[in-house]
Amino acid sequence: MNVSQVKAFMGDQKADEKAAVHPNDAIKQQLQKEGLQQAAEFAKQQAATVTVNSSQTTIGLKVVSGALNQNVSIDGKRPQDSQSSEESGKTSLFDFEKVAKNVLNFVGGVIRGAAEGGANDEKLNNLFSQAREGVSKGFAMAEKDLAGFMNDEIEEGITRSRDLIDTGINELETDIFNPGVNASELNALNMSDAKSGSLLIRTKDGDEVQLRFESVKQFSASSFYSASENNQDADTSNEDNQGSSSQQVERYQYFESNGISFSLKGELDEEELTAIADLVEQTQDLADTFYNGDVDKAFEQALTLGFDDKELVGYALQLNRTTQAEVVKAYENIQHYSENGEVENQYGSIVSPISQYLEKMMSAFENATNTLESGEDYNSLIAGIINEMEDVQVPDLVTAINRFHSFNQQLLNAVPQQTEE
């Protein structure tokens, strides 16, 4: 295993100020510098004044609106900030709905304009990908800026806005590509099933793949449209490229494993899609092992036995390479004493889970290095998976992601540069 290559690919996995924030003092500082500053900037644009005494929900609305306006970009165009009426009264859920409608009006205007102007399906699909990616980033930024500042109204407002935008984009896509299909039926599936999210990742070769967390019902409904589009593309390709070598066709496949269901869509062959799916499942298993096994807490417990980070990681690596007999011998040769002077022979059971997790982590990182374009793509994948694991988001999503990244970085930093197979 080339550890240096893995470390270079993964980069600094500690959650930086742009990606995630420590849940204590940093949250308050970030909220001051980013959330309130962003709210104040948009207040100036609207010739209004937002003070520290303003409604908490009003500030939340401005942060959500600002984050979406900043991140939703289609062909270099961005939505105009919507006018709100919070001056005359308390911000309501209706105002969050207006933010969603403002984004949908922008997305619909740009994409419908492109369709009416003769844009082909490839161009339109790219515009939809830009819209969905921007919406995902916008809500992620808003939730990050509002960490520690969230109340029930803001949380419900974000959920309602996200649902409205996702539903609206699905309806628009159906109307443009398959105007004869009943869009409301698809929306009913999307709204009734578990919350789905999507993200865009890039492969080692630079190809884009859309990963969507969805149920089999949602996939079945959506794949009907994809199949129709692929058939149309295939007919066009046969007419224009008779006698030429076969071209890659956009594939749309569904996967389900270890309690997670998702689809992959992109111009990749079946083997490449399967490799991405394996990485998703491997990463989900890593995250599940981390949270459900409280591995970081086990690591801290092991440090109390007298190891430092590098000694503990080195010993964990050693456990992964020895037979059971050699492990027993290793236990006997290492002498750690308690305060009472008694030999501590109990640490083997503590290090073992760390050893198993480390093996999974390095395997996942190496797979990501060989499969994806950059560490940022892998971080996006991790964030998407943890976003689906609602039971581990305590006290919030940012904290959960920060905890995962920080521990993995601690292990990665302690791994020797040269590691033999």
Protein backbone atom coordinates (compact mmCIF):
# COMPACT_ATOMS: atom_id res chain seq x y z
CA MET A 1 0.00 0.00 0.00
CA ASN A 2 1.41 3.42 -0.96
CA VAL A 3 0.61 5.35 2.22
CA SER A 4 2.18 8.56 0.91
CA GLN A 5 -0.14 8.49 -2.10
CA VAL A 6 -3.19 7.90 0.11
CA LYS A 7 -2.21 10.74 2.47
CA ALA A 8 -1.68 13.12 -0.44
CA PHE A 9 -5.05 12.17 -1.94
CA MET A 10 -7.02 12.47 1.27
CA GLY A 11 -5.33 15.71 2.30
CA ASP A 12 -6.14 17.19 5.67
CA GLN A 13 -9.23 15.37 6.85
CA LYS A 14 -9.68 17.65 9.84
CA ALA A 15 -12.82 19.61 9.26
CA ASP A 16 -11.59 23.06 8.26
CA GLU A 17 -13.53 26.30 8.61
CA LYS A 18 -15.00 25.91 5.14
CA ALA A 19 -16.10 22.27 5.45
CA ALA A 20 -17.23 21.80 9.03
CA VAL A 21 -17.01 23.55 12.35
CA HIS A 22 -16.21 22.35 15.85
CA PRO A 23 -19.49 22.34 17.76
CA ASN A 24 -18.37 24.52 20.66
CA ASP A 25 -16.63 27.91 20.46
CA ALA A 26 -16.00 27.69 16.72
CA ILE A 27 -19.73 27.47 16.00
CA LYS A 28 -20.41 30.71 17.80
CA GLN A 29 -17.48 32.40 16.10
CA GLN A 30 -18.50 31.11 12.66
CA LEU A 31 -22.10 32.12 13.18
CA GLN A 32 -20.95 35.63 14.03
CA LYS A 33 -18.54 35.91 11.14
CA GLU A 34 -20.53 34.13 8.47
CA GLY A 35 -24.20 33.74 9.44
CA LEU A 36 -24.85 37.19 10.86
CA GLN A 37 -22.49 38.85 8.41
CA GLN A 38 -24.28 37.17 5.51
CA ALA A 39 -27.66 38.20 6.93
CA ALA A 40 -26.44 41.77 7.31
CA GLU A 41 -25.16 41.91 3.72
CA PHE A 42 -28.49 40.79 2.32
CA ALA A 43 -30.29 43.18 4.62
CA LYS A 44 -28.33 46.05 3.09
CA GLN A 45 -29.27 44.94 -0.42
CA GLN A 46 -32.90 45.07 0.59
CA ALA A 47 -32.49 48.49 2.27
CA ALA A 48 -33.45 46.97 5.60
CA THR A 49 -31.66 46.74 8.90
CA VAL A 50 -30.98 43.47 10.70
CA THR A 51 -29.78 43.81 14.26
CA VAL A 52 -28.74 41.33 16.90
CA ASN A 53 -32.23 41.72 18.36
CA SER A 54 -33.87 40.55 15.11
CA SER A 55 -35.93 37.40 15.10
CA GLN A 56 -33.86 34.21 15.16
CA THR A 57 -36.06 32.74 12.45
CA THR A 58 -35.71 35.88 10.33
CA ILE A 59 -31.94 35.57 10.43
CA GLY A 60 -32.27 31.88 9.56
CA LEU A 61 -34.42 32.78 6.56
CA LYS A 62 -31.82 35.25 5.33
CA VAL A 63 -29.00 32.75 5.74
CA VAL A 64 -30.93 30.09 3.79
CA SER A 65 -31.88 32.55 1.06
CA GLY A 66 -28.34 33.88 0.80
CA ALA A 67 -26.76 30.43 0.70
CA LEU A 68 -29.07 29.29 -2.11
CA ASN A 69 -28.58 32.48 -4.11
CA GLN A 70 -24.83 32.11 -3.74
CA ASN A 71 -24.57 28.44 -4.69
CA VAL A 72 -27.32 27.83 -7.25
CA SER A 73 -25.59 28.72 -10.50
CA ILE A 74 -26.63 27.55 -13.96
CA ASP A 75 -24.35 28.47 -16.85
CA GLY A 76 -22.93 31.28 -14.73
CA LYS A 77 -26.34 32.76 -13.88
CA ARG A 78 -27.67 33.09 -10.35
CA PRO A 79 -31.15 33.77 -8.95
CA GLN A 80 -32.09 37.27 -7.86
CA ASP A 81 -32.68 37.73 -4.15
CA SER A 82 -36.37 37.54 -3.39
CA GLN A 83 -38.07 40.36 -1.50
CA SER A 84 -39.39 39.32 1.91
CA SER A 85 -41.82 41.01 4.23
CA GLU A 86 -40.22 40.26 7.57
CA GLU A 87 -40.16 43.95 8.55
CA SER A 88 -43.87 44.04 9.24
CA GLY A 89 -44.04 40.87 11.27
CA LYS A 90 -42.56 37.55 12.30
CA THR A 91 -41.04 35.36 9.60
CA SER A 92 -43.23 32.33 8.86
CA LEU A 93 -42.91 29.05 7.00
CA PHE A 94 -44.59 30.80 4.09
CA ASP A 95 -41.44 32.94 3.72
CA PHE A 96 -39.29 29.81 3.41
CA GLU A 97 -41.68 28.61 0.71
CA LYS A 98 -41.20 31.90 -1.12
CA VAL A 99 -37.43 31.35 -1.06
CA ALA A 100 -37.97 27.91 -2.63
CA LYS A 101 -40.30 29.34 -5.29
CA ASN A 102 -37.75 32.03 -6.10
CA VAL A 103 -35.11 29.34 -6.74
CA LEU A 104 -37.56 27.26 -8.80
CA ASN A 105 -38.56 30.26 -10.90
CA PHE A 106 -34.91 30.87 -11.67
CA VAL A 107 -34.13 27.22 -12.47
CA GLY A 108 -37.27 26.86 -14.56
CA GLY A 109 -36.59 30.09 -16.46
CA VAL A 110 -33.04 29.15 -17.40
CA ILE A 111 -33.72 25.52 -18.32
CA ARG A 112 -36.97 26.18 -20.17
CA GLY A 113 -35.25 28.97 -22.04
CA ALA A 114 -32.46 26.59 -23.05
CA ALA A 115 -34.97 23.93 -24.14
CA GLU A 116 -36.93 26.41 -26.22
CA GLY A 117 -33.67 27.63 -27.72
CA GLY A 118 -32.95 24.15 -29.09
CA ALA A 119 -30.53 22.78 -26.46
CA ASN A 120 -30.01 19.02 -26.83
CA ASP A 121 -30.67 16.46 -24.09
CA GLU A 122 -27.02 16.33 -23.02
CA LYS A 123 -26.98 20.08 -22.47
CA LEU A 124 -30.28 20.03 -20.57
CA ASN A 125 -29.14 17.15 -18.35
CA ASN A 126 -26.03 19.14 -17.54
CA LEU A 127 -28.19 22.13 -16.56
CA PHE A 128 -30.29 19.95 -14.25
CA SER A 129 -27.10 18.56 -12.67
CA GLN A 130 -25.84 22.10 -12.05
CA ALA A 131 -29.16 23.05 -10.45
CA ARG A 132 -29.29 20.02 -8.14
CA GLU A 133 -25.65 20.35 -7.13
CA GLY A 134 -26.12 24.05 -6.36
CA VAL A 135 -29.23 23.39 -4.26
CA SER A 136 -27.41 20.66 -2.32
CA LYS A 137 -24.44 22.93 -1.63
CA GLY A 138 -26.73 25.82 -0.71
CA PHE A 139 -28.62 23.91 1.95
CA ALA A 140 -25.37 22.37 3.24
CA MET A 141 -23.88 25.86 3.63
CA ALA A 142 -27.02 27.16 5.36
CA GLU A 143 -27.11 24.26 7.82
CA LYS A 144 -23.41 24.76 8.54
CA ASP A 145 -23.83 28.51 9.13
CA LEU A 146 -26.83 27.90 11.38
CA ALA A 147 -25.26 25.11 13.44
CA GLY A 148 -25.98 25.81 17.09
CA PHE A 149 -28.45 28.51 16.07
CA MET A 150 -31.21 26.27 14.73
CA ASN A 151 -34.75 26.36 16.11
CA ASP A 152 -37.81 24.30 15.20
CA GLU A 153 -39.15 26.90 12.75
CA ILE A 154 -35.85 27.20 10.88
CA GLU A 155 -35.46 23.42 10.73
CA GLU A 156 -39.00 22.94 9.44
CA GLY A 157 -38.55 25.84 7.02
CA ILE A 158 -35.39 24.28 5.57
CA THR A 159 -37.11 20.91 5.23
CA ARG A 160 -40.11 22.44 3.49
CA SER A 161 -37.93 24.53 1.17
CA ARG A 162 -35.80 21.53 0.25
CA ASP A 163 -38.86 19.37 -0.47
CA LEU A 164 -40.45 22.08 -2.61
CA ILE A 165 -37.28 22.61 -4.65
CA ASP A 166 -36.59 18.88 -5.13
CA THR A 167 -40.19 18.28 -6.16
CA GLY A 168 -40.21 21.29 -8.46
CA ILE A 169 -37.01 20.28 -10.24
CA ASN A 170 -38.34 16.72 -10.69
CA GLU A 171 -41.55 18.10 -12.15
CA LEU A 172 -39.63 20.40 -14.49
CA GLU A 173 -37.42 17.54 -15.66
CA THR A 174 -40.43 15.34 -16.33
CA ASP A 175 -42.28 18.11 -18.14
CA ILE A 176 -39.32 18.91 -20.42
CA PHE A 177 -38.23 15.37 -21.30
CA ASN A 178 -41.57 13.51 -21.07
CA PRO A 179 -44.45 16.00 -21.14
CA GLY A 180 -47.01 13.20 -21.49
CA VAL A 181 -46.03 11.44 -18.25
CA ASN A 182 -47.94 12.08 -15.05
CA ALA A 183 -45.43 14.07 -13.00
CA SER A 184 -47.62 14.13 -9.89
CA GLU A 185 -47.33 10.36 -9.58
CA LEU A 186 -43.56 10.59 -9.48
CA ASN A 187 -43.73 13.42 -6.94
CA ALA A 188 -46.00 11.34 -4.72
CA LEU A 189 -43.31 8.67 -4.66
CA ASN A 190 -40.61 11.19 -3.87
CA MET A 191 -42.60 12.75 -1.04
CA SER A 192 -43.93 9.53 0.50
CA ASP A 193 -40.65 7.61 0.55
CA ALA A 194 -37.66 8.31 2.74
CA LYS A 195 -35.82 11.57 2.13
CA SER A 196 -33.47 11.29 -0.82
CA GLY A 197 -30.44 13.36 -1.66
CA SER A 198 -28.05 13.50 -4.58
CA LEU A 199 -24.45 14.49 -5.14
CA LEU A 200 -22.03 14.71 -8.03
CA ILE A 201 -18.65 12.97 -7.85
CA ARG A 202 -15.86 12.68 -10.40
CA THR A 203 -13.92 9.55 -11.24
CA LYS A 204 -10.17 9.16 -11.66
CA ASP A 205 -10.67 9.66 -15.41
CA GLY A 206 -12.61 12.90 -14.86
CA ASP A 207 -16.05 11.44 -15.66
CA GLU A 208 -19.02 12.77 -13.67
CA VAL A 209 -21.33 10.41 -11.82
CA GLN A 210 -24.57 11.41 -10.12
CA LEU A 211 -25.15 9.46 -6.91
CA ARG A 212 -28.68 9.60 -5.56
CA PHE A 213 -29.89 8.08 -2.31
CA GLU A 214 -33.33 6.79 -3.20
CA SER A 215 -35.72 3.91 -2.71
CA VAL A 216 -36.41 1.22 -5.27
CA LYS A 217 -39.81 2.86 -6.00
CA GLN A 218 -38.18 6.19 -6.78
CA PHE A 219 -35.58 4.46 -8.93
CA SER A 220 -38.23 2.51 -10.84
CA ALA A 221 -40.18 5.66 -11.61
CA SER A 222 -37.10 7.66 -12.61
CA SER A 223 -35.53 4.86 -14.65
CA PHE A 224 -38.58 4.84 -16.92
CA TYR A 225 -37.65 8.32 -18.07
CA SER A 226 -33.97 7.51 -18.36
CA ALA A 227 -34.72 4.46 -20.49
CA SER A 228 -36.82 6.59 -22.80
CA GLU A 229 -34.06 9.17 -23.12
CA ASN A 230 -31.40 6.50 -23.77
CA ASN A 231 -33.52 4.95 -26.50
CA GLN A 232 -33.85 8.33 -28.21
CA ASP A 233 -30.10 8.93 -27.89
CA ALA A 234 -29.35 5.46 -29.26
CA ASP A 235 -31.54 6.05 -32.31
CA THR A 236 -29.80 9.34 -33.02
CA SER A 237 -26.38 7.77 -32.54
CA ASN A 238 -27.18 4.93 -34.96
CA GLU A 239 -28.29 7.39 -37.62
CA ASP A 240 -25.29 9.71 -37.25
CA ASN A 241 -22.53 7.18 -36.54
CA GLN A 242 -23.22 4.14 -38.73
CA GLY A 243 -20.15 1.94 -38.94
CA SER A 244 -18.31 3.76 -36.12
CA SER A 245 -17.15 2.15 -32.90
CA SER A 246 -19.62 1.91 -30.03
CA GLN A 247 -19.92 4.94 -27.75
CA GLN A 248 -20.46 5.03 -24.03
CA VAL A 249 -24.12 5.28 -23.07
CA GLU A 250 -25.37 6.93 -19.92
CA ARG A 251 -26.26 4.18 -17.47
CA TYR A 252 -28.63 4.37 -14.54
CA GLN A 253 -28.28 1.53 -12.02
CA TYR A 254 -29.74 0.81 -8.59
CA PHE A 255 -27.79 -0.67 -5.69
CA GLU A 256 -28.79 -1.78 -2.20
CA SER A 257 -26.49 -3.09 0.52
CA ASN A 258 -26.04 -2.90 4.30
CA GLY A 259 -29.23 -0.91 4.79
CA ILE A 260 -28.35 1.77 2.24
CA SER A 261 -30.00 2.16 -1.15
CA PHE A 262 -28.73 4.39 -3.94
CA SER A 263 -28.49 4.78 -7.69
CA LEU A 264 -25.61 5.79 -9.95
CA LYS A 265 -26.04 7.63 -13.22
CA GLY A 266 -23.27 8.48 -15.68
CA GLU A 267 -21.54 7.70 -18.94
CA LEU A 268 -19.57 4.78 -17.53
CA ASP A 269 -19.46 1.10 -18.38
CA GLU A 270 -20.95 -1.45 -16.01
CA GLU A 271 -17.59 -2.35 -14.46
CA GLU A 272 -16.85 1.31 -13.61
CA LEU A 273 -20.29 1.82 -12.05
CA THR A 274 -19.82 -1.32 -9.98
CA ALA A 275 -16.44 -0.03 -8.76
CA ILE A 276 -18.08 3.23 -7.61
CA ALA A 277 -20.89 1.26 -5.93
CA ASP A 278 -18.34 -0.88 -4.10
CA LEU A 279 -16.64 2.28 -2.82
CA VAL A 280 -19.99 3.68 -1.63
CA GLU A 281 -20.78 0.48 0.24
CA GLN A 282 -17.26 0.30 1.66
CA THR A 283 -17.47 3.90 2.91
CA GLN A 284 -20.92 3.32 4.39
CA ASP A 285 -19.58 0.28 6.23
CA LEU A 286 -16.64 2.35 7.53
CA ALA A 287 -18.97 5.08 8.81
CA ASP A 288 -21.32 2.51 10.34
CA THR A 289 -18.42 0.80 12.12
CA PHE A 290 -17.15 4.14 13.41
CA TYR A 291 -20.41 5.43 14.84
CA ASN A 292 -21.95 2.22 16.09
CA GLY A 293 -18.65 0.98 17.56
CA ASP A 294 -17.62 4.30 19.14
CA VAL A 295 -14.14 3.60 17.74
CA ASP A 296 -12.79 7.05 18.64
CA LYS A 297 -13.71 6.44 22.28
CA ALA A 298 -12.01 3.04 22.19
CA PHE A 299 -8.92 4.75 20.78
CA GLU A 300 -8.86 7.25 23.65
CA GLN A 301 -9.25 4.40 26.12
CA ALA A 302 -6.30 2.58 24.56
CA LEU A 303 -4.13 5.68 24.86
CA THR A 304 -4.56 5.50 28.64
CA LEU A 305 -2.61 2.21 28.60
CA GLY A 306 0.59 4.13 27.84
CA PHE A 307 0.64 4.18 24.02
CA ASP A 308 1.00 7.35 22.03
CA ASP A 309 -0.80 7.77 18.68
CA LYS A 310 1.96 6.31 16.52
CA GLU A 311 2.67 3.41 18.86
CA LEU A 312 -0.98 2.50 19.03
CA VAL A 313 -1.50 2.68 15.25
CA GLY A 314 1.71 0.74 14.67
CA TYR A 315 0.58 -1.94 17.07
CA ALA A 316 -2.87 -2.05 15.46
CA LEU A 317 -1.22 -2.54 12.06
CA GLN A 318 0.89 -5.33 13.55
CA LEU A 319 -2.22 -7.10 14.78
CA ASN A 320 -3.60 -7.08 11.24
CA ARG A 321 -0.53 -8.93 9.95
CA THR A 322 0.02 -11.61 12.56
CA THR A 323 -1.52 -15.00 13.14
CA GLN A 324 -3.45 -15.69 16.32
CA ALA A 325 -0.41 -17.44 17.82
CA GLU A 326 1.81 -14.46 17.03
CA VAL A 327 -0.76 -12.12 18.54
CA VAL A 328 -0.70 -14.04 21.80
CA LYS A 329 3.09 -13.89 21.77
CA ALA A 330 3.02 -10.15 21.09
CA TYR A 331 0.72 -9.66 24.09
CA GLU A 332 3.18 -11.50 26.32
CA ASN A 333 6.18 -9.50 25.12
CA ILE A 334 4.70 -6.04 25.72
CA GLN A 335 4.78 -5.03 29.36
CA HIS A 336 2.42 -2.24 30.41
CA TYR A 337 1.90 -1.78 34.12
CA SER A 338 -0.94 -0.28 36.07
CA GLU A 339 -0.47 2.08 39.03
CA ASN A 340 -0.45 -0.97 41.31
CA GLY A 341 2.47 -2.51 39.40
CA GLU A 342 0.36 -5.33 37.99
CA VAL A 343 0.89 -6.39 34.39
CA GLU A 344 -1.94 -5.18 32.16
CA ASN A 345 -2.96 -7.99 29.81
CA GLN A 346 -6.38 -6.60 28.99
CA TYR A 347 -5.38 -4.11 26.28
CA GLY A 348 -5.56 -6.69 23.49
CA SER A 349 -9.35 -6.61 23.50
CA ILE A 350 -9.24 -2.80 23.39
CA VAL A 351 -6.79 -2.52 20.49
CA SER A 352 -8.50 -5.19 18.40
CA PRO A 353 -11.51 -3.04 17.33
CA ILE A 354 -9.12 -0.20 16.45
CA SER A 355 -7.05 -2.63 14.41
CA GLN A 356 -10.10 -3.82 12.49
CA TYR A 357 -11.31 -0.26 11.88
CA LEU A 358 -7.86 0.87 10.73
CA GLU A 359 -7.77 -1.94 8.19
CA LYS A 360 -11.18 -0.88 6.84
CA MET A 361 -10.19 2.78 6.76
CA MET A 362 -6.94 2.27 4.85
CA SER A 363 -8.66 -0.06 2.40
CA ALA A 364 -11.42 2.50 1.76
CA PHE A 365 -8.93 5.37 1.37
CA GLU A 366 -6.81 3.34 -1.04
CA ASN A 367 -9.91 2.41 -3.04
CA ALA A 368 -10.97 6.07 -3.15
CA THR A 369 -7.48 7.08 -4.31
CA ASN A 370 -7.71 4.60 -7.20
CA THR A 371 -11.32 5.41 -8.11
CA LEU A 372 -12.04 9.11 -7.58
CA GLU A 373 -10.50 12.29 -8.94
CA SER A 374 -9.71 13.95 -5.62
CA GLY A 375 -10.09 13.79 -1.86
CA GLU A 376 -12.83 16.42 -2.15
CA ASP A 377 -14.96 13.97 -4.12
CA TYR A 378 -14.52 11.39 -1.36
CA ASN A 379 -15.38 13.97 1.29
CA SER A 380 -18.58 14.76 -0.62
CA LEU A 381 -19.40 11.06 -0.65
CA ILE A 382 -18.77 10.79 3.10
CA ALA A 383 -20.96 13.83 3.82
CA GLY A 384 -23.77 12.39 1.69
CA ILE A 385 -23.65 9.05 3.49
CA ILE A 386 -23.58 10.57 6.98
CA ASN A 387 -26.46 12.83 5.95
CA GLU A 388 -28.50 9.66 5.45
CA MET A 389 -27.53 8.29 8.89
CA GLU A 390 -29.93 10.37 10.96
CA ASP A 391 -29.39 8.32 14.13
CA VAL A 392 -25.74 9.41 14.37
CA GLN A 393 -26.31 13.15 13.82
CA VAL A 394 -25.92 14.08 17.49
CA PRO A 395 -26.08 16.90 18.28
CA ASP A 396 -26.06 17.87 14.59
CA LEU A 397 -24.81 16.84 11.15
CA VAL A 398 -21.78 19.15 11.20
CA THR A 399 -20.59 17.70 14.50
CA ALA A 400 -21.03 14.13 13.24
CA ILE A 401 -19.00 14.79 10.10
CA ASN A 402 -16.37 16.68 12.08
CA ARG A 403 -16.00 13.79 14.52
CA PHE A 404 -15.55 11.26 11.70
CA HIS A 405 -13.01 13.34 9.76
CA SER A 406 -10.98 14.32 12.83
CA PHE A 407 -10.56 10.74 14.02
CA ASN A 408 -9.65 9.42 10.57
CA GLN A 409 -7.08 12.21 10.20
CA GLN A 410 -5.60 11.31 13.58
CA LEU A 411 -5.16 7.69 12.47
CA LEU A 412 -3.87 8.63 9.02
CA ASN A 413 -1.25 10.98 10.47
CA ALA A 414 0.03 8.18 12.70
CA VAL A 415 0.38 5.59 9.91
CA PRO A 416 4.05 5.09 8.89
CA GLN A 417 4.93 6.39 5.43
CA GLN A 418 6.04 2.95 4.29
CA THR A 419 3.59 0.16 5.09
CA GLU A 420 4.26 -3.33 3.87
CA GLU A 421 1.46 -5.47 2.56
